[in-house]
């Protein structure tokens, strides 16, 4: 990506996150976003149709920032790392969590998160297959199942509020994910295929 475009996206992403920490999505105005990001409205509309498309981009970029480089090739560990990153991000930004709770668009934002997670999980599962992992069901089924379930779990976690912390959410997710196996290397013996019960 062109460096100028990357700087524009970074500025918009950082500003959007600041705004989400201060107000619900429905109160964010493109004029204010452009002014704070120091970009022209024409520049904004060259990249996005509206603030909702921009919001999806911001969430996608935020997830891309989650460090998964040190994780061995493992579908389960990758999914857990992403959820861990999202949970701790929200815990670090209590304003965002609070504004999600009062937002009239929480369901829409959960849908966006589910769609983005589905895209990222599916891409990762396809890479796993290229590197020798086997799945007993189609990867798109796995990605849809996990993305939808985990997005709804995050939504409910947000609505629960204190004292249900990120660590507790992750503990519950771990417990649930330990009941299924998603993909195993072809060099692994046994029944470790997708959604094979232990």
N, C-alpha and C. Protein backbone atom coordinates (compact mmCIF):
# COMPACT_ATOMS: atom_id res chain seq x y z
N UNK A 1 0.85 -1.20 0.00
CA UNK A 1 0.00 0.00 0.00
C UNK A 1 0.88 1.25 0.00
N UNK A 2 0.48 2.25 -0.75
CA UNK A 2 1.18 3.53 -0.80
C UNK A 2 1.29 4.11 0.61
N UNK A 3 2.46 4.67 0.93
CA UNK A 3 2.72 5.17 2.28
C UNK A 3 1.74 6.27 2.67
N UNK A 4 1.37 7.13 1.73
CA UNK A 4 0.41 8.20 2.03
C UNK A 4 -0.96 7.63 2.37
N UNK A 5 -1.36 6.61 1.63
CA UNK A 5 -2.65 5.98 1.91
C UNK A 5 -2.60 5.30 3.27
N UNK A 6 -1.49 4.63 3.57
CA UNK A 6 -1.35 3.96 4.87
C UNK A 6 -1.43 4.97 6.01
N UNK A 7 -0.80 6.14 5.82
CA UNK A 7 -0.86 7.18 6.86
C UNK A 7 -2.29 7.67 7.05
N UNK A 8 -3.02 7.80 5.93
CA UNK A 8 -4.43 8.23 6.01
C UNK A 8 -5.25 7.20 6.79
N UNK A 9 -5.08 5.93 6.45
CA UNK A 9 -5.83 4.88 7.14
C UNK A 9 -5.47 4.83 8.62
N UNK A 10 -4.20 4.98 8.93
CA UNK A 10 -3.77 4.95 10.34
C UNK A 10 -4.37 6.11 11.11
N UNK A 11 -4.35 7.30 10.51
CA UNK A 11 -4.92 8.48 11.17
C UNK A 11 -6.41 8.30 11.41
N UNK A 12 -7.13 7.82 10.40
CA UNK A 12 -8.57 7.60 10.55
C UNK A 12 -8.84 6.52 11.61
N UNK A 13 -8.07 5.43 11.58
CA UNK A 13 -8.26 4.34 12.54
C UNK A 13 -8.04 4.83 13.96
N UNK A 14 -6.94 5.54 14.19
CA UNK A 14 -6.63 6.03 15.54
C UNK A 14 -7.69 7.00 16.03
N UNK A 15 -8.13 7.89 15.14
CA UNK A 15 -9.16 8.88 15.51
C UNK A 15 -10.50 8.19 15.79
N UNK A 16 -10.87 7.23 14.96
CA UNK A 16 -12.13 6.52 15.14
C UNK A 16 -12.14 5.80 16.49
N UNK A 17 -11.02 5.18 16.85
CA UNK A 17 -10.92 4.49 18.14
C UNK A 17 -11.08 5.49 19.29
N UNK A 18 -10.46 6.66 19.15
CA UNK A 18 -10.61 7.71 20.17
C UNK A 18 -12.09 8.10 20.31
N UNK A 19 -12.76 8.31 19.18
CA UNK A 19 -14.17 8.71 19.20
C UNK A 19 -15.04 7.62 19.81
N UNK A 20 -14.78 6.35 19.45
CA UNK A 20 -15.57 5.25 20.01
C UNK A 20 -15.38 5.15 21.52
N UNK A 21 -14.25 5.62 22.01
CA UNK A 21 -14.00 5.62 23.45
C UNK A 21 -14.76 6.75 24.13
N UNK A 22 -15.25 7.71 23.33
CA UNK A 22 -15.93 8.87 23.88
C UNK A 22 -17.44 8.87 23.63
N UNK A 23 -17.88 8.16 22.58
CA UNK A 23 -19.31 8.22 22.21
C UNK A 23 -19.70 6.96 21.44
N UNK A 24 -21.00 6.63 21.42
CA UNK A 24 -21.46 5.49 20.60
C UNK A 24 -21.27 5.77 19.12
N UNK A 25 -21.23 4.73 18.33
CA UNK A 25 -21.03 4.83 16.88
C UNK A 25 -22.02 5.78 16.23
N UNK A 26 -23.29 5.72 16.65
CA UNK A 26 -24.32 6.52 15.98
C UNK A 26 -24.12 8.03 16.17
N UNK A 27 -23.31 8.43 17.16
CA UNK A 27 -23.07 9.86 17.39
C UNK A 27 -21.83 10.39 16.66
N UNK A 28 -21.04 9.51 16.09
CA UNK A 28 -19.82 9.94 15.39
C UNK A 28 -20.21 10.56 14.05
N UNK A 29 -19.67 11.75 13.79
CA UNK A 29 -19.96 12.46 12.54
C UNK A 29 -18.71 12.47 11.66
N UNK A 30 -18.92 12.28 10.38
CA UNK A 30 -17.80 12.24 9.44
C UNK A 30 -17.04 13.56 9.44
N UNK A 31 -17.75 14.67 9.57
CA UNK A 31 -17.10 15.99 9.60
C UNK A 31 -16.09 16.05 10.75
N UNK A 32 -16.51 15.61 11.94
CA UNK A 32 -15.61 15.63 13.10
C UNK A 32 -14.46 14.66 12.91
N UNK A 33 -14.76 13.49 12.35
CA UNK A 33 -13.73 12.47 12.12
C UNK A 33 -12.65 13.02 11.17
N UNK A 34 -13.08 13.69 10.10
CA UNK A 34 -12.14 14.26 9.14
C UNK A 34 -11.32 15.38 9.76
N UNK A 35 -11.99 16.23 10.53
CA UNK A 35 -11.29 17.34 11.16
C UNK A 35 -10.22 16.84 12.13
N UNK A 36 -10.59 15.89 12.97
CA UNK A 36 -9.64 15.35 13.96
C UNK A 36 -8.52 14.56 13.29
N UNK A 37 -8.84 13.89 12.19
CA UNK A 37 -7.83 13.09 11.48
C UNK A 37 -6.97 13.95 10.56
N UNK A 38 -7.38 15.21 10.40
CA UNK A 38 -6.70 16.17 9.52
C UNK A 38 -6.69 15.69 8.07
N UNK A 39 -7.86 15.25 7.63
CA UNK A 39 -8.03 14.89 6.22
C UNK A 39 -9.27 15.60 5.68
N UNK A 40 -9.33 15.75 4.38
CA UNK A 40 -10.49 16.38 3.75
C UNK A 40 -11.61 15.36 3.60
N UNK A 41 -12.85 15.86 3.57
CA UNK A 41 -14.00 14.96 3.37
C UNK A 41 -13.86 14.21 2.04
N UNK A 42 -13.34 14.90 1.03
CA UNK A 42 -13.16 14.25 -0.27
C UNK A 42 -12.22 13.06 -0.15
N UNK A 43 -11.20 13.20 0.70
CA UNK A 43 -10.26 12.10 0.92
C UNK A 43 -10.97 10.94 1.61
N UNK A 44 -11.78 11.27 2.60
CA UNK A 44 -12.54 10.23 3.30
C UNK A 44 -13.41 9.45 2.31
N UNK A 45 -14.16 10.17 1.49
CA UNK A 45 -15.09 9.52 0.56
C UNK A 45 -14.39 8.83 -0.61
N UNK A 46 -13.12 9.14 -0.80
CA UNK A 46 -12.36 8.41 -1.81
C UNK A 46 -12.08 6.98 -1.34
N UNK A 47 -12.07 6.79 -0.01
CA UNK A 47 -11.75 5.47 0.56
C UNK A 47 -12.97 4.75 1.12
N UNK A 48 -14.00 5.50 1.55
CA UNK A 48 -15.16 4.89 2.20
C UNK A 48 -16.45 5.49 1.67
N UNK A 49 -17.48 4.67 1.59
CA UNK A 49 -18.79 5.16 1.18
C UNK A 49 -19.50 5.90 2.30
N UNK A 50 -19.29 5.44 3.55
CA UNK A 50 -19.93 6.05 4.70
C UNK A 50 -19.17 5.66 5.96
N UNK A 51 -19.66 6.11 7.11
CA UNK A 51 -18.93 5.84 8.35
C UNK A 51 -19.02 4.37 8.75
N UNK A 52 -20.01 3.66 8.25
CA UNK A 52 -20.15 2.25 8.61
C UNK A 52 -19.10 1.40 7.88
N UNK A 53 -18.85 1.75 6.63
CA UNK A 53 -17.76 1.07 5.92
C UNK A 53 -16.42 1.41 6.57
N UNK A 54 -16.28 2.64 7.01
CA UNK A 54 -15.07 3.05 7.72
C UNK A 54 -14.94 2.28 9.03
N UNK A 55 -16.05 2.13 9.74
CA UNK A 55 -16.03 1.39 11.02
C UNK A 55 -15.55 -0.05 10.80
N UNK A 56 -16.07 -0.70 9.75
CA UNK A 56 -15.64 -2.07 9.44
C UNK A 56 -14.14 -2.13 9.18
N UNK A 57 -13.64 -1.14 8.45
CA UNK A 57 -12.22 -1.08 8.17
C UNK A 57 -11.41 -0.90 9.46
N UNK A 58 -11.89 -0.04 10.34
CA UNK A 58 -11.20 0.21 11.62
C UNK A 58 -11.15 -1.07 12.45
N UNK A 59 -12.27 -1.79 12.54
CA UNK A 59 -12.30 -3.04 13.32
C UNK A 59 -11.36 -4.07 12.70
N UNK A 60 -11.38 -4.17 11.37
CA UNK A 60 -10.50 -5.12 10.69
C UNK A 60 -9.03 -4.79 10.94
N UNK A 61 -8.68 -3.51 10.86
CA UNK A 61 -7.29 -3.09 11.10
C UNK A 61 -6.90 -3.31 12.56
N UNK A 62 -7.84 -3.08 13.47
CA UNK A 62 -7.56 -3.31 14.89
C UNK A 62 -7.25 -4.79 15.13
N UNK A 63 -8.02 -5.67 14.50
CA UNK A 63 -7.78 -7.11 14.65
C UNK A 63 -6.44 -7.49 14.01
N UNK A 64 -6.11 -6.85 12.88
CA UNK A 64 -4.83 -7.13 12.23
C UNK A 64 -3.65 -6.74 13.10
N UNK A 65 -3.87 -5.80 14.01
CA UNK A 65 -2.78 -5.37 14.91
C UNK A 65 -2.49 -6.40 16.00
N UNK A 66 -3.40 -7.33 16.21
CA UNK A 66 -3.20 -8.34 17.25
C UNK A 66 -2.03 -9.23 16.85
N UNK A 67 -1.10 -9.37 17.74
CA UNK A 67 0.13 -10.11 17.44
C UNK A 67 -0.13 -11.61 17.47
N UNK A 68 -0.07 -12.23 16.30
CA UNK A 68 -0.22 -13.69 16.21
C UNK A 68 1.04 -14.32 15.62
N UNK A 69 2.09 -13.51 15.48
CA UNK A 69 3.30 -13.98 14.80
C UNK A 69 3.97 -15.14 15.53
N UNK A 70 3.92 -15.12 16.85
CA UNK A 70 4.63 -16.16 17.62
C UNK A 70 3.84 -17.43 17.82
N UNK A 71 2.62 -17.48 17.26
CA UNK A 71 1.76 -18.65 17.49
C UNK A 71 2.09 -19.72 16.45
N UNK A 72 2.30 -20.94 16.93
CA UNK A 72 2.52 -22.04 15.99
C UNK A 72 1.27 -22.23 15.15
N UNK A 73 1.45 -22.83 13.97
CA UNK A 73 0.32 -23.04 13.06
C UNK A 73 -0.71 -23.93 13.73
N UNK A 74 -1.77 -23.33 14.22
CA UNK A 74 -2.82 -24.06 14.92
C UNK A 74 -4.12 -23.27 14.82
N UNK A 75 -5.14 -23.81 14.19
CA UNK A 75 -6.41 -23.08 14.07
C UNK A 75 -6.97 -22.64 15.41
N UNK A 76 -6.94 -23.52 16.41
CA UNK A 76 -7.50 -23.20 17.71
C UNK A 76 -6.72 -22.07 18.39
N UNK A 77 -5.38 -22.17 18.35
CA UNK A 77 -4.56 -21.15 19.02
C UNK A 77 -4.70 -19.80 18.33
N UNK A 78 -4.85 -19.83 17.02
CA UNK A 78 -5.03 -18.57 16.29
C UNK A 78 -6.35 -17.91 16.70
N UNK A 79 -7.44 -18.67 16.70
CA UNK A 79 -8.75 -18.13 17.07
C UNK A 79 -8.73 -17.59 18.50
N UNK A 80 -8.08 -18.33 19.40
CA UNK A 80 -8.01 -17.88 20.79
C UNK A 80 -7.22 -16.58 20.90
N UNK A 81 -6.11 -16.48 20.15
CA UNK A 81 -5.28 -15.27 20.20
C UNK A 81 -6.07 -14.05 19.74
N UNK A 82 -6.88 -14.23 18.71
CA UNK A 82 -7.69 -13.11 18.20
C UNK A 82 -8.72 -12.67 19.24
N UNK A 83 -9.42 -13.64 19.82
CA UNK A 83 -10.43 -13.31 20.84
C UNK A 83 -9.76 -12.68 22.06
N UNK A 84 -8.60 -13.20 22.43
CA UNK A 84 -7.84 -12.65 23.55
C UNK A 84 -7.50 -11.19 23.28
N UNK A 85 -7.01 -10.91 22.06
CA UNK A 85 -6.66 -9.55 21.70
C UNK A 85 -7.84 -8.61 21.75
N UNK A 86 -8.99 -9.06 21.25
CA UNK A 86 -10.20 -8.23 21.27
C UNK A 86 -10.65 -7.96 22.71
N UNK A 87 -10.66 -9.01 23.52
CA UNK A 87 -11.12 -8.87 24.91
C UNK A 87 -10.25 -7.90 25.69
N UNK A 88 -8.93 -8.03 25.57
CA UNK A 88 -8.04 -7.15 26.31
C UNK A 88 -8.03 -5.73 25.75
N UNK A 89 -8.25 -5.61 24.43
CA UNK A 89 -8.40 -4.27 23.84
C UNK A 89 -9.61 -3.57 24.47
N UNK A 90 -10.74 -4.27 24.54
CA UNK A 90 -11.94 -3.67 25.11
C UNK A 90 -11.77 -3.38 26.60
N UNK A 91 -11.04 -4.23 27.29
CA UNK A 91 -10.80 -3.98 28.72
C UNK A 91 -9.90 -2.75 28.90
N UNK A 92 -8.98 -2.53 27.97
CA UNK A 92 -8.10 -1.36 28.03
C UNK A 92 -8.83 -0.07 27.66
N UNK A 93 -9.96 -0.20 26.96
CA UNK A 93 -10.75 0.97 26.55
C UNK A 93 -12.15 0.86 27.14
N UNK A 94 -12.28 1.10 28.44
CA UNK A 94 -13.60 0.96 29.08
C UNK A 94 -14.66 1.89 28.49
N UNK A 95 -14.21 3.02 27.92
CA UNK A 95 -15.16 3.92 27.28
C UNK A 95 -15.83 3.27 26.09
N UNK A 96 -15.05 2.52 25.30
CA UNK A 96 -15.63 1.82 24.15
C UNK A 96 -16.64 0.79 24.62
N UNK A 97 -16.27 0.03 25.65
CA UNK A 97 -17.17 -0.99 26.18
C UNK A 97 -18.45 -0.35 26.69
N UNK A 98 -18.33 0.74 27.43
CA UNK A 98 -19.50 1.44 27.95
C UNK A 98 -20.38 1.98 26.84
N UNK A 99 -19.76 2.53 25.81
CA UNK A 99 -20.54 3.09 24.69
C UNK A 99 -21.19 1.99 23.86
N UNK A 100 -20.56 0.84 23.77
CA UNK A 100 -21.21 -0.29 23.09
C UNK A 100 -22.47 -0.71 23.85
N UNK A 101 -22.39 -0.66 25.18
CA UNK A 101 -23.54 -1.06 26.01
C UNK A 101 -24.76 -0.17 25.76
N UNK A 102 -24.53 1.11 25.52
CA UNK A 102 -25.66 2.04 25.35
C UNK A 102 -25.98 2.30 23.88
N UNK A 103 -25.17 1.74 23.00
CA UNK A 103 -25.37 1.99 21.57
C UNK A 103 -26.64 1.31 21.07
N UNK A 104 -27.39 2.03 20.24
CA UNK A 104 -28.57 1.44 19.59
C UNK A 104 -28.13 0.56 18.41
N UNK A 105 -26.83 0.56 18.14
CA UNK A 105 -26.30 -0.20 17.01
C UNK A 105 -25.41 -1.36 17.45
N UNK A 106 -25.57 -1.82 18.68
CA UNK A 106 -24.73 -2.91 19.17
C UNK A 106 -24.89 -4.17 18.32
N UNK A 107 -26.12 -4.50 17.96
CA UNK A 107 -26.35 -5.70 17.14
C UNK A 107 -25.67 -5.59 15.78
N UNK A 108 -25.74 -4.39 15.18
CA UNK A 108 -25.08 -4.18 13.89
C UNK A 108 -23.57 -4.32 14.04
N UNK A 109 -23.02 -3.77 15.12
CA UNK A 109 -21.58 -3.85 15.34
C UNK A 109 -21.14 -5.29 15.60
N UNK A 110 -21.98 -6.06 16.28
CA UNK A 110 -21.69 -7.48 16.50
C UNK A 110 -21.70 -8.23 15.17
N UNK A 111 -22.65 -7.88 14.29
CA UNK A 111 -22.71 -8.50 12.96
C UNK A 111 -21.45 -8.19 12.17
N UNK A 112 -21.01 -6.92 12.22
CA UNK A 112 -19.77 -6.55 11.53
C UNK A 112 -18.59 -7.36 12.06
N UNK A 113 -18.51 -7.47 13.38
CA UNK A 113 -17.41 -8.23 13.99
C UNK A 113 -17.44 -9.68 13.52
N UNK A 114 -18.63 -10.27 13.51
CA UNK A 114 -18.77 -11.66 13.07
C UNK A 114 -18.31 -11.83 11.63
N UNK A 115 -18.70 -10.91 10.76
CA UNK A 115 -18.31 -10.99 9.35
C UNK A 115 -16.80 -10.86 9.17
N UNK A 116 -16.21 -9.94 9.92
CA UNK A 116 -14.76 -9.73 9.83
C UNK A 116 -14.00 -10.94 10.36
N UNK A 117 -14.44 -11.46 11.51
CA UNK A 117 -13.80 -12.65 12.07
C UNK A 117 -13.93 -13.82 11.12
N UNK A 118 -15.10 -13.97 10.52
CA UNK A 118 -15.30 -15.06 9.58
C UNK A 118 -14.30 -14.99 8.43
N UNK A 119 -14.11 -13.79 7.88
CA UNK A 119 -13.15 -13.62 6.79
C UNK A 119 -11.74 -14.00 7.22
N UNK A 120 -11.35 -13.54 8.42
CA UNK A 120 -9.98 -13.79 8.88
C UNK A 120 -9.78 -15.27 9.26
N UNK A 121 -10.76 -15.85 9.93
CA UNK A 121 -10.66 -17.27 10.29
C UNK A 121 -10.58 -18.13 9.03
N UNK A 122 -11.45 -17.84 8.07
CA UNK A 122 -11.49 -18.66 6.84
C UNK A 122 -10.15 -18.59 6.11
N UNK A 123 -9.61 -17.37 5.98
CA UNK A 123 -8.31 -17.22 5.31
C UNK A 123 -7.22 -18.02 6.03
N UNK A 124 -7.26 -17.96 7.37
CA UNK A 124 -6.25 -18.70 8.15
C UNK A 124 -6.44 -20.20 8.00
N UNK A 125 -7.68 -20.68 8.02
CA UNK A 125 -7.93 -22.12 7.86
C UNK A 125 -7.47 -22.62 6.49
N UNK A 126 -7.68 -21.80 5.47
CA UNK A 126 -7.21 -22.17 4.14
C UNK A 126 -5.69 -22.30 4.12
N UNK A 127 -5.02 -21.39 4.83
CA UNK A 127 -3.55 -21.46 4.93
C UNK A 127 -3.14 -22.73 5.68
N UNK A 128 -3.88 -23.07 6.72
CA UNK A 128 -3.59 -24.30 7.48
C UNK A 128 -3.69 -25.53 6.57
N UNK A 129 -4.70 -25.56 5.73
CA UNK A 129 -4.88 -26.69 4.81
C UNK A 129 -3.70 -26.78 3.85
N UNK A 130 -3.24 -25.62 3.35
CA UNK A 130 -2.09 -25.62 2.44
C UNK A 130 -0.84 -26.14 3.13
N UNK A 131 -0.81 -26.01 4.47
CA UNK A 131 0.38 -26.46 5.21
C UNK A 131 0.19 -27.83 5.85
N UNK A 132 -0.86 -28.56 5.43
CA UNK A 132 -0.98 -29.94 5.84
C UNK A 132 -2.03 -30.26 6.88
N UNK A 133 -2.83 -29.26 7.31
CA UNK A 133 -3.89 -29.56 8.27
C UNK A 133 -5.09 -30.15 7.55
N UNK A 134 -5.80 -31.02 8.25
CA UNK A 134 -7.00 -31.61 7.67
C UNK A 134 -8.21 -31.19 8.49
N UNK A 135 -9.32 -30.99 7.82
CA UNK A 135 -10.57 -30.61 8.45
C UNK A 135 -11.63 -31.64 8.04
N UNK A 136 -12.41 -32.09 9.01
CA UNK A 136 -13.43 -33.09 8.69
C UNK A 136 -14.72 -32.45 8.17
N UNK A 137 -14.83 -31.13 8.32
CA UNK A 137 -15.94 -30.39 7.71
C UNK A 137 -15.33 -29.22 6.95
N UNK A 138 -16.13 -28.59 6.11
CA UNK A 138 -15.62 -27.50 5.29
C UNK A 138 -15.12 -26.34 6.15
N UNK A 139 -13.97 -25.75 5.79
CA UNK A 139 -13.44 -24.63 6.57
C UNK A 139 -14.42 -23.46 6.71
N UNK A 140 -15.27 -23.23 5.69
CA UNK A 140 -16.21 -22.11 5.80
C UNK A 140 -17.24 -22.37 6.90
N UNK A 141 -17.57 -23.65 7.15
CA UNK A 141 -18.48 -23.98 8.25
C UNK A 141 -17.81 -23.67 9.59
N UNK A 142 -16.55 -24.08 9.71
CA UNK A 142 -15.79 -23.82 10.95
C UNK A 142 -15.69 -22.32 11.21
N UNK A 143 -15.34 -21.56 10.16
CA UNK A 143 -15.13 -20.12 10.36
C UNK A 143 -16.44 -19.42 10.72
N UNK A 144 -17.53 -19.80 10.06
CA UNK A 144 -18.84 -19.20 10.37
C UNK A 144 -19.27 -19.54 11.80
N UNK A 145 -19.11 -20.80 12.17
CA UNK A 145 -19.50 -21.27 13.50
C UNK A 145 -18.75 -20.51 14.59
N UNK A 146 -17.43 -20.45 14.45
CA UNK A 146 -16.61 -19.80 15.46
C UNK A 146 -16.82 -18.29 15.48
N UNK A 147 -16.85 -17.67 14.29
CA UNK A 147 -17.01 -16.21 14.22
C UNK A 147 -18.34 -15.77 14.83
N UNK A 148 -19.42 -16.47 14.49
CA UNK A 148 -20.73 -16.13 15.03
C UNK A 148 -20.82 -16.33 16.52
N UNK A 149 -20.36 -17.51 16.96
CA UNK A 149 -20.43 -17.81 18.40
C UNK A 149 -19.57 -16.90 19.24
N UNK A 150 -18.35 -16.66 18.80
CA UNK A 150 -17.44 -15.82 19.58
C UNK A 150 -17.88 -14.36 19.57
N UNK A 151 -18.44 -13.90 18.46
CA UNK A 151 -18.94 -12.51 18.41
C UNK A 151 -20.10 -12.32 19.39
N UNK A 152 -21.01 -13.30 19.43
CA UNK A 152 -22.12 -13.21 20.37
C UNK A 152 -21.64 -13.31 21.81
N UNK A 153 -20.61 -14.14 22.05
CA UNK A 153 -20.05 -14.25 23.40
C UNK A 153 -19.45 -12.91 23.83
N UNK A 154 -18.77 -12.24 22.92
CA UNK A 154 -18.20 -10.93 23.24
C UNK A 154 -19.30 -9.92 23.50
N UNK A 155 -20.38 -9.97 22.70
CA UNK A 155 -21.50 -9.06 22.93
C UNK A 155 -22.09 -9.27 24.32
N UNK A 156 -22.32 -10.51 24.70
CA UNK A 156 -22.89 -10.79 26.02
C UNK A 156 -21.93 -10.39 27.13
N UNK A 157 -20.63 -10.60 26.88
CA UNK A 157 -19.62 -10.20 27.87
C UNK A 157 -19.65 -8.69 28.07
N UNK A 158 -19.78 -7.93 26.98
CA UNK A 158 -19.87 -6.47 27.07
C UNK A 158 -21.09 -6.06 27.89
N UNK A 159 -22.22 -6.71 27.63
CA UNK A 159 -23.45 -6.35 28.32
C UNK A 159 -23.44 -6.76 29.79
N UNK A 160 -22.64 -7.78 30.14
CA UNK A 160 -22.53 -8.21 31.54
C UNK A 160 -21.86 -7.14 32.39
N UNK A 161 -20.82 -6.49 31.82
CA UNK A 161 -20.08 -5.48 32.57
C UNK A 161 -19.28 -6.09 33.70
N UNK A 162 -18.85 -5.25 34.61
CA UNK A 162 -18.08 -5.73 35.77
C UNK A 162 -18.96 -6.62 36.63
N UNK A 163 -18.41 -7.62 37.33
CA UNK A 163 -16.98 -7.90 37.47
C UNK A 163 -16.49 -9.01 36.54
N UNK A 164 -17.19 -9.23 35.46
CA UNK A 164 -16.82 -10.29 34.52
C UNK A 164 -15.70 -9.76 33.64
N UNK A 165 -14.45 -10.10 33.94
CA UNK A 165 -13.28 -9.53 33.30
C UNK A 165 -12.88 -10.32 32.06
N UNK A 166 -11.97 -9.74 31.29
CA UNK A 166 -11.49 -10.39 30.08
C UNK A 166 -10.93 -11.78 30.38
N UNK A 167 -10.18 -11.90 31.47
CA UNK A 167 -9.58 -13.19 31.83
C UNK A 167 -10.65 -14.25 32.06
N UNK A 168 -11.77 -13.84 32.65
CA UNK A 168 -12.86 -14.78 32.90
C UNK A 168 -13.54 -15.18 31.59
N UNK A 169 -13.73 -14.21 30.68
CA UNK A 169 -14.29 -14.53 29.37
C UNK A 169 -13.40 -15.54 28.66
N UNK A 170 -12.09 -15.30 28.68
CA UNK A 170 -11.16 -16.19 27.99
C UNK A 170 -11.14 -17.57 28.63
N UNK A 171 -11.28 -17.63 29.94
CA UNK A 171 -11.35 -18.92 30.63
C UNK A 171 -12.57 -19.70 30.16
N UNK A 172 -13.71 -19.01 30.04
CA UNK A 172 -14.93 -19.67 29.56
C UNK A 172 -14.78 -20.11 28.10
N UNK A 173 -14.17 -19.25 27.27
CA UNK A 173 -13.96 -19.59 25.86
C UNK A 173 -13.03 -20.80 25.75
N UNK A 174 -11.97 -20.81 26.58
CA UNK A 174 -11.05 -21.96 26.58
C UNK A 174 -11.78 -23.25 26.92
N UNK A 175 -12.62 -23.18 27.93
CA UNK A 175 -13.36 -24.36 28.37
C UNK A 175 -14.23 -24.88 27.23
N UNK A 176 -14.90 -23.96 26.56
CA UNK A 176 -15.75 -24.34 25.44
C UNK A 176 -14.94 -24.90 24.27
N UNK A 177 -13.86 -24.22 23.93
CA UNK A 177 -13.05 -24.63 22.79
C UNK A 177 -12.32 -25.95 23.04
N UNK A 178 -12.10 -26.27 24.30
CA UNK A 178 -11.44 -27.54 24.63
C UNK A 178 -12.34 -28.74 24.37
N UNK A 179 -13.63 -28.49 24.14
CA UNK A 179 -14.53 -29.62 23.88
C UNK A 179 -14.54 -30.03 22.41
N UNK A 180 -13.90 -29.20 21.57
CA UNK A 180 -13.81 -29.53 20.14
C UNK A 180 -12.37 -29.37 19.67
N UNK A 181 -12.07 -30.03 18.58
CA UNK A 181 -10.77 -29.87 17.95
C UNK A 181 -11.00 -29.33 16.55
N UNK A 182 -10.22 -28.35 16.20
CA UNK A 182 -10.37 -27.76 14.88
C UNK A 182 -9.07 -27.95 14.11
N UNK A 183 -9.08 -28.90 13.21
CA UNK A 183 -7.93 -29.10 12.34
C UNK A 183 -6.74 -29.70 13.04
N UNK A 184 -6.15 -30.68 12.43
CA UNK A 184 -4.93 -31.28 12.93
C UNK A 184 -3.96 -31.46 11.77
N UNK A 185 -2.70 -31.38 12.09
CA UNK A 185 -1.69 -31.62 11.08
C UNK A 185 -1.82 -33.05 10.59
N UNK A 186 -1.57 -33.26 9.30
CA UNK A 186 -1.69 -34.60 8.74
C UNK A 186 -0.70 -35.57 9.36
N UNK A 187 0.31 -35.02 10.05
CA UNK A 187 1.30 -35.89 10.69
C UNK A 187 0.84 -36.37 12.05
N UNK A 188 -0.30 -35.82 12.55
CA UNK A 188 -0.81 -36.20 13.87
C UNK A 188 -1.73 -37.41 13.71
N UNK A 189 -1.51 -38.40 14.52
CA UNK A 189 -2.38 -39.58 14.46
C UNK A 189 -3.59 -39.38 15.34
N UNK A 190 -4.58 -40.24 15.18
CA UNK A 190 -5.77 -40.15 16.02
C UNK A 190 -6.89 -39.45 15.30
N UNK A 191 -7.91 -39.08 16.07
CA UNK A 191 -9.14 -38.54 15.47
C UNK A 191 -9.19 -37.02 15.55
N UNK A 192 -8.04 -36.36 15.64
CA UNK A 192 -8.03 -34.92 15.87
C UNK A 192 -8.46 -34.11 14.68
N UNK A 193 -9.66 -34.29 14.22
CA UNK A 193 -10.18 -33.51 13.11
C UNK A 193 -11.23 -32.55 13.62
N UNK A 194 -11.66 -31.72 12.73
CA UNK A 194 -12.55 -30.64 13.14
C UNK A 194 -13.82 -31.16 13.81
N UNK A 195 -14.09 -30.56 14.97
CA UNK A 195 -15.29 -30.85 15.73
C UNK A 195 -15.42 -32.34 16.08
N UNK A 196 -14.27 -33.01 16.23
CA UNK A 196 -14.29 -34.36 16.80
C UNK A 196 -14.28 -34.25 18.31
N UNK A 197 -15.24 -34.82 18.97
CA UNK A 197 -15.28 -34.73 20.44
C UNK A 197 -14.19 -35.58 21.05
N UNK A 198 -13.71 -35.11 22.20
CA UNK A 198 -12.68 -35.86 22.89
C UNK A 198 -13.27 -37.10 23.54
